[in-house]
Amino acid sequence: MSPKGSLGSRIFLSRASSCAAATSPAGGCPFCGGRGGRWGVASRTVHDLGDPLSGRPIDLHICYSTHRCLACRRSFPADQSDLAPLKSQYTHRVQQTAVRLVIEDDMPYRMASWHLWRDHRVFVPWATIQNWVEAAGEKKPGRR
C-alpha cells in the first residue's frame, strides 16, 4: 500500500534467485550458447496500466540477475520477455492497449496517448505509440 499523498503505486518483483540451481540461465548465453554464471543483480522500472479504482499509476520495479558467459566473456541479463520487451519502459499490456486503441477504435495517436493517461494513468508519448503501431504493421498508409 502506498502512503497517503503519493503519486502512484509501486510493486516490487524479484527475478533474482540466490539458489545454486539458478546460476546458469535456462537458455545459456544468447551470443554463443555457452554456459553463463551469475554475475550480479540489476533492477529496472517498467510502467504498467494504472489501477482504475484508485486512479494511480503502477510502476513495476523489477530486480533480476545478470550473468556472464564463461566462453565469450560477455554479460547478459536474465530473460524478462514475458513481462516487457528488452530495454522497454512499458509492459506488453500497455503496448497492446495502445495499438488496439489506434487500430480497432480508429483513434489518432495523440488521442490514444491522452486516453491512456486519462483512463489508465500511464503516460506514453504519441510518437512512441506511432512506432508501436508501425512495428505491428497494421496501420494503413495515408491515415493520420
Protein backbone atom coordinates (compact mmCIF):
# COMPACT_ATOMS: atom_id res chain seq x y z
CA MET A 1 0.00 0.00 0.00
CA SER A 2 1.41 3.36 -0.90
CA PRO A 3 1.46 6.18 1.64
CA LYS A 4 -1.23 8.83 1.56
CA GLY A 5 -0.47 11.60 -0.89
CA SER A 6 1.89 9.58 -3.05
CA LEU A 7 1.64 9.80 -6.80
CA GLY A 8 1.44 6.11 -7.57
CA SER A 9 1.66 2.52 -6.52
CA ARG A 10 4.91 0.64 -6.64
CA ILE A 11 5.13 -3.10 -6.98
CA PHE A 12 8.44 -4.84 -6.45
CA LEU A 13 9.15 -8.02 -8.40
CA SER A 14 12.23 -10.11 -7.81
CA ARG A 15 13.61 -12.33 -10.55
CA ALA A 16 16.99 -12.76 -8.92
CA SER A 17 17.41 -16.06 -7.16
CA SER A 18 20.04 -16.98 -4.64
CA CYS A 19 19.65 -20.70 -5.37
CA ALA A 20 22.66 -22.57 -6.70
CA ALA A 21 20.48 -24.09 -9.45
CA ALA A 22 19.75 -20.63 -10.86
CA THR A 23 23.37 -19.71 -11.51
CA SER A 24 23.09 -20.69 -15.17
CA PRO A 25 20.16 -19.38 -17.24
CA ALA A 26 17.97 -21.98 -18.94
CA GLY A 27 18.83 -20.93 -22.49
CA GLY A 28 22.53 -20.30 -21.95
CA CYS A 29 24.40 -17.37 -23.44
CA PRO A 30 22.36 -15.58 -26.14
CA PHE A 31 25.56 -14.78 -28.06
CA CYS A 32 27.39 -18.12 -28.23
CA GLY A 33 25.14 -20.60 -26.38
CA GLY A 34 27.79 -21.24 -23.74
CA ARG A 35 27.29 -21.69 -20.04
CA GLY A 36 26.91 -18.49 -18.03
CA GLY A 37 27.49 -17.97 -14.35
CA ARG A 38 25.71 -15.43 -12.22
CA TRP A 39 27.47 -12.07 -12.34
CA GLY A 40 25.29 -9.79 -10.25
CA VAL A 41 21.89 -8.24 -9.66
CA ALA A 42 20.32 -5.31 -11.51
CA SER A 43 16.97 -3.55 -11.46
CA ARG A 44 14.70 -1.63 -13.82
CA THR A 45 11.39 0.21 -13.67
CA VAL A 46 8.57 -0.67 -16.05
CA HIS A 47 5.29 1.23 -16.34
CA ASP A 48 2.07 -0.79 -16.34
CA LEU A 49 -1.60 0.13 -16.78
CA GLY A 50 -2.79 2.01 -13.72
CA ASP A 51 -5.38 0.90 -11.23
CA PRO A 52 -8.77 2.26 -12.38
CA LEU A 53 -10.24 2.16 -8.86
CA SER A 54 -7.59 4.24 -7.12
CA GLY A 55 -6.66 6.31 -10.19
CA ARG A 56 -2.95 5.88 -9.54
CA PRO A 57 -0.24 4.76 -11.96
CA ILE A 58 1.60 1.49 -11.35
CA ASP A 59 5.36 1.20 -11.65
CA LEU A 60 6.88 -2.27 -11.55
CA HIS A 61 10.35 -2.28 -10.01
CA ILE A 62 11.99 -5.48 -11.22
CA CYS A 63 15.13 -6.95 -9.69
CA TYR A 64 16.78 -9.54 -11.92
CA SER A 65 20.05 -11.42 -12.16
CA THR A 66 22.79 -10.73 -14.68
CA HIS A 67 25.05 -13.47 -16.00
CA ARG A 68 28.49 -13.67 -17.60
CA CYS A 69 29.35 -16.28 -20.21
CA LEU A 70 32.43 -18.33 -19.44
CA ALA A 71 33.23 -18.87 -23.14
CA CYS A 72 32.86 -15.43 -24.75
CA ARG A 73 33.13 -13.35 -21.53
CA ARG A 74 30.05 -11.25 -22.38
CA SER A 75 27.45 -10.35 -19.78
CA PHE A 76 23.68 -10.55 -20.31
CA PRO A 77 20.51 -10.16 -18.21
CA ALA A 78 18.06 -12.87 -17.21
CA ASP A 79 15.15 -13.27 -19.63
CA GLN A 80 12.25 -10.88 -18.91
CA SER A 81 10.50 -11.03 -22.26
CA ASP A 82 7.29 -12.38 -20.70
CA LEU A 83 6.78 -9.06 -18.88
CA ALA A 84 8.21 -6.40 -21.21
CA PRO A 85 10.43 -6.24 -24.30
CA LEU A 86 14.15 -5.78 -23.77
CA LYS A 87 15.08 -2.15 -22.90
CA SER A 88 11.42 -1.09 -22.96
CA GLN A 89 9.89 1.16 -20.30
CA TYR A 90 6.37 -0.23 -20.81
CA THR A 91 4.80 -3.67 -20.31
CA HIS A 92 3.22 -5.72 -23.08
CA ARG A 93 -0.23 -4.77 -21.72
CA VAL A 94 0.44 -1.07 -22.26
CA GLN A 95 1.73 -1.67 -25.79
CA GLN A 96 -1.20 -3.91 -26.75
CA THR A 97 -3.72 -1.43 -25.35
CA ALA A 98 -2.15 1.48 -27.23
CA VAL A 99 -2.07 -0.42 -30.54
CA ARG A 100 -5.66 -1.59 -30.03
CA LEU A 101 -6.84 1.99 -29.46
CA VAL A 102 -5.30 3.14 -32.74
CA ILE A 103 -6.22 0.12 -34.88
CA GLU A 104 -9.59 -1.07 -33.59
CA ASP A 105 -11.01 2.17 -32.15
CA ASP A 106 -9.52 4.24 -35.00
CA MET A 107 -8.07 6.90 -32.69
CA PRO A 108 -5.36 9.35 -33.72
CA TYR A 109 -2.02 8.86 -31.96
CA ARG A 110 -2.36 11.93 -29.75
CA MET A 111 -5.87 10.97 -28.70
CA ALA A 112 -4.67 7.45 -27.84
CA SER A 113 -1.90 8.95 -25.71
CA TRP A 114 -4.42 11.10 -23.86
CA HIS A 115 -6.80 8.14 -23.47
CA LEU A 116 -4.06 6.03 -21.86
CA TRP A 117 -3.32 8.81 -19.37
CA ARG A 118 -6.96 9.62 -18.63
CA ASP A 119 -8.21 6.05 -18.18
CA HIS A 120 -5.12 4.09 -17.17
CA ARG A 121 -2.77 6.71 -15.68
CA VAL A 122 0.19 5.74 -17.83
CA PHE A 123 1.86 8.43 -19.94
CA VAL A 124 3.05 7.24 -23.34
CA PRO A 125 4.25 9.84 -25.88
CA TRP A 126 2.23 9.74 -29.08
CA ALA A 127 5.38 9.18 -31.17
CA THR A 128 6.07 6.01 -29.16
CA ILE A 129 2.56 4.78 -29.93
CA GLN A 130 3.19 5.54 -33.61
CA ASN A 131 6.36 3.40 -33.51
CA TRP A 132 4.46 0.51 -31.88
CA VAL A 133 1.67 0.65 -34.48
CA GLU A 134 4.13 0.78 -37.37
CA ALA A 135 6.07 -2.15 -35.88
CA ALA A 136 2.82 -4.12 -35.66
CA GLY A 137 2.33 -3.40 -39.37
CA GLU A 138 -1.41 -2.88 -39.06
CA LYS A 139 -1.80 0.82 -39.81
CA LYS A 140 -2.76 1.58 -43.39
CA PRO A 141 -0.58 4.19 -45.13
CA GLY A 142 -2.10 7.61 -45.69
CA ARG A 143 -4.14 7.64 -42.49
CA ARG A 144 -3.30 10.26 -39.85
